[in-house]
Amino acid sequence: MNGRSFQKLGAAAAAPIAGAQDAPPTRRLILTNNAYLHFAVENTNLWRAMFDLQMTAGRAVPDWYLEALEGLFANIARPAAELSPDQSAEEAGLMVRALFSSVHGIVLLGVERRFSGVPPEQIEQVIAQVLG
């Protein structure tokens, strides 16, 4: 189930940037991350299940999970690479994870309506501020 959900999430995150190759990289980052937000809101239980798996570094992670995660990260990696073309592969990979983690945290706390989170109606605005 998580594999199919990740495929749906990857497709949802890629859709808004499919026809926007000429858009500035920051705009593409915002578009794909807003799509991530909308997926989380529209499919909250599936989205939570994808990230509630107890997988940590150093433990065996299924190949399908790694492939799905890399597909999702690719939507961030392409525009991020354009913004910082001189980064090494290691630095670029770390930046992609940092950007994903930042947006994921904003979305998670907002969707769960946590006291420390961004109000749901302002999440898109904050994503644009963080990524812009």
Protein backbone atom coordinates (compact mmCIF):
# COMPACT_ATOMS: atom_id res chain seq x y z
CA MET A 1 0.00 0.00 0.00
CA ASN A 2 2.77 2.45 0.87
CA GLY A 3 4.45 1.76 -2.47
CA ARG A 4 1.31 2.72 -4.40
CA SER A 5 0.79 5.75 -2.17
CA PHE A 6 4.34 6.92 -2.82
CA GLN A 7 3.75 6.55 -6.56
CA LYS A 8 0.63 8.69 -6.27
CA LEU A 9 2.51 11.27 -4.22
CA GLY A 10 5.39 11.34 -6.71
CA ALA A 11 2.98 11.84 -9.61
CA ALA A 12 1.13 14.57 -7.73
CA ALA A 13 4.39 16.40 -6.92
CA ALA A 14 5.63 16.12 -10.52
CA ALA A 15 2.38 17.17 -12.23
CA PRO A 16 2.50 20.94 -11.67
CA ILE A 17 6.07 21.22 -12.93
CA ALA A 18 5.65 18.97 -15.98
CA GLY A 19 4.73 21.93 -18.18
CA ALA A 20 6.78 24.48 -16.29
CA GLN A 21 10.33 23.62 -17.35
CA ASP A 22 10.92 27.25 -18.31
CA ALA A 23 9.70 28.60 -14.98
CA PRO A 24 12.38 29.84 -12.57
CA PRO A 25 13.75 27.12 -10.27
CA THR A 26 12.27 28.69 -7.14
CA ARG A 27 8.83 28.73 -8.77
CA ARG A 28 9.13 25.03 -9.63
CA LEU A 29 10.17 24.27 -6.05
CA ILE A 30 7.14 26.12 -4.75
CA LEU A 31 4.78 24.40 -7.22
CA THR A 32 5.98 20.90 -6.39
CA ASN A 33 5.93 21.52 -2.65
CA ASN A 34 2.44 23.01 -2.79
CA ALA A 35 1.38 19.83 -4.61
CA TYR A 36 2.97 17.88 -1.73
CA LEU A 37 0.86 19.91 0.70
CA HIS A 38 -2.33 19.30 -1.26
CA PHE A 39 -1.64 15.57 -1.42
CA ALA A 40 -1.16 15.52 2.35
CA VAL A 41 -4.42 17.40 2.92
CA GLU A 42 -6.45 15.34 0.44
CA ASN A 43 -4.95 11.97 1.45
CA THR A 44 -4.02 12.54 5.08
CA ASN A 45 -4.26 8.94 6.26
CA LEU A 46 -2.24 7.57 3.32
CA TRP A 47 0.31 10.34 3.65
CA ARG A 48 0.77 9.72 7.37
CA ALA A 49 1.12 5.98 6.80
CA MET A 50 3.94 6.57 4.32
CA PHE A 51 6.01 8.40 6.88
CA ASP A 52 4.98 6.53 10.01
CA LEU A 53 7.13 3.57 9.02
CA GLN A 54 9.85 3.06 11.58
CA MET A 55 12.84 3.07 9.22
CA THR A 56 16.04 4.71 10.29
CA ALA A 57 19.53 5.03 8.87
CA GLY A 58 21.56 1.87 9.28
CA ARG A 59 18.57 -0.47 8.99
CA ALA A 60 17.56 -2.32 5.85
CA VAL A 61 15.12 -0.21 3.85
CA PRO A 62 13.10 -1.82 1.07
CA ASP A 63 14.26 -0.96 -2.45
CA TRP A 64 10.78 0.20 -3.47
CA TYR A 65 10.81 2.76 -0.64
CA LEU A 66 14.22 4.12 -1.61
CA GLU A 67 13.19 4.35 -5.28
CA ALA A 68 9.95 6.12 -4.42
CA LEU A 69 11.71 8.55 -2.11
CA GLU A 70 14.37 9.29 -4.72
CA GLY A 71 11.62 9.93 -7.27
CA LEU A 72 10.04 12.40 -4.91
CA PHE A 73 13.41 14.01 -4.17
CA ALA A 74 14.10 14.37 -7.92
CA ASN A 75 11.35 16.98 -8.09
CA ILE A 76 13.34 19.02 -5.60
CA ALA A 77 16.82 18.12 -6.86
CA ARG A 78 16.49 19.49 -10.39
CA PRO A 79 15.56 23.07 -9.49
CA ALA A 80 17.83 23.04 -6.43
CA ALA A 81 20.77 22.08 -8.67
CA GLU A 82 20.00 25.05 -10.91
CA LEU A 83 20.08 27.36 -7.90
CA SER A 84 23.41 25.97 -6.63
CA PRO A 85 25.23 24.48 -9.63
CA ASP A 86 28.63 24.43 -7.90
CA GLN A 87 27.60 22.06 -5.10
CA SER A 88 29.13 18.61 -4.93
CA ALA A 89 26.80 15.62 -5.28
CA GLU A 90 26.99 15.10 -1.52
CA GLU A 91 26.17 18.73 -0.75
CA ALA A 92 23.31 18.71 -3.26
CA GLY A 93 21.86 15.54 -1.76
CA LEU A 94 22.00 17.03 1.72
CA MET A 95 20.31 20.23 0.51
CA VAL A 96 17.49 18.22 -1.10
CA ARG A 97 16.90 16.37 2.16
CA ALA A 98 16.98 19.64 4.11
CA LEU A 99 14.45 21.28 1.79
CA PHE A 100 12.19 18.22 1.91
CA SER A 101 12.48 17.99 5.69
CA SER A 102 11.67 21.68 6.08
CA VAL A 103 8.54 21.50 3.97
CA HIS A 104 7.50 18.15 5.44
CA GLY A 105 7.74 19.61 8.95
CA ILE A 106 5.73 22.68 7.97
CA VAL A 107 3.07 20.49 6.35
CA LEU A 108 2.99 17.93 9.16
CA LEU A 109 2.57 20.44 11.96
CA GLY A 110 0.04 22.43 9.96
CA VAL A 111 -2.05 19.44 8.85
CA GLU A 112 -2.09 18.13 12.41
CA ARG A 113 -3.04 21.64 13.58
CA ARG A 114 -0.30 21.60 16.18
CA PHE A 115 0.08 24.65 18.37
CA SER A 116 3.64 25.10 17.09
CA GLY A 117 2.62 24.77 13.44
CA VAL A 118 1.68 27.18 10.72
CA PRO A 119 -2.08 27.68 10.44
CA PRO A 120 -3.32 25.49 7.56
CA GLU A 121 -4.61 28.45 5.55
CA GLN A 122 -1.11 29.99 5.57
CA ILE A 123 1.00 26.95 4.69
CA GLU A 124 1.32 27.81 0.99
CA GLN A 125 2.43 31.33 1.89
CA VAL A 126 5.08 30.00 4.27
CA ILE A 127 6.32 27.42 1.74
CA ALA A 128 6.79 30.26 -0.75
CA GLN A 129 8.68 32.31 1.87
CA VAL A 130 10.94 29.42 2.83
CA LEU A 131 11.71 28.34 -0.71
CA GLY A 132 11.67 31.75 -2.39
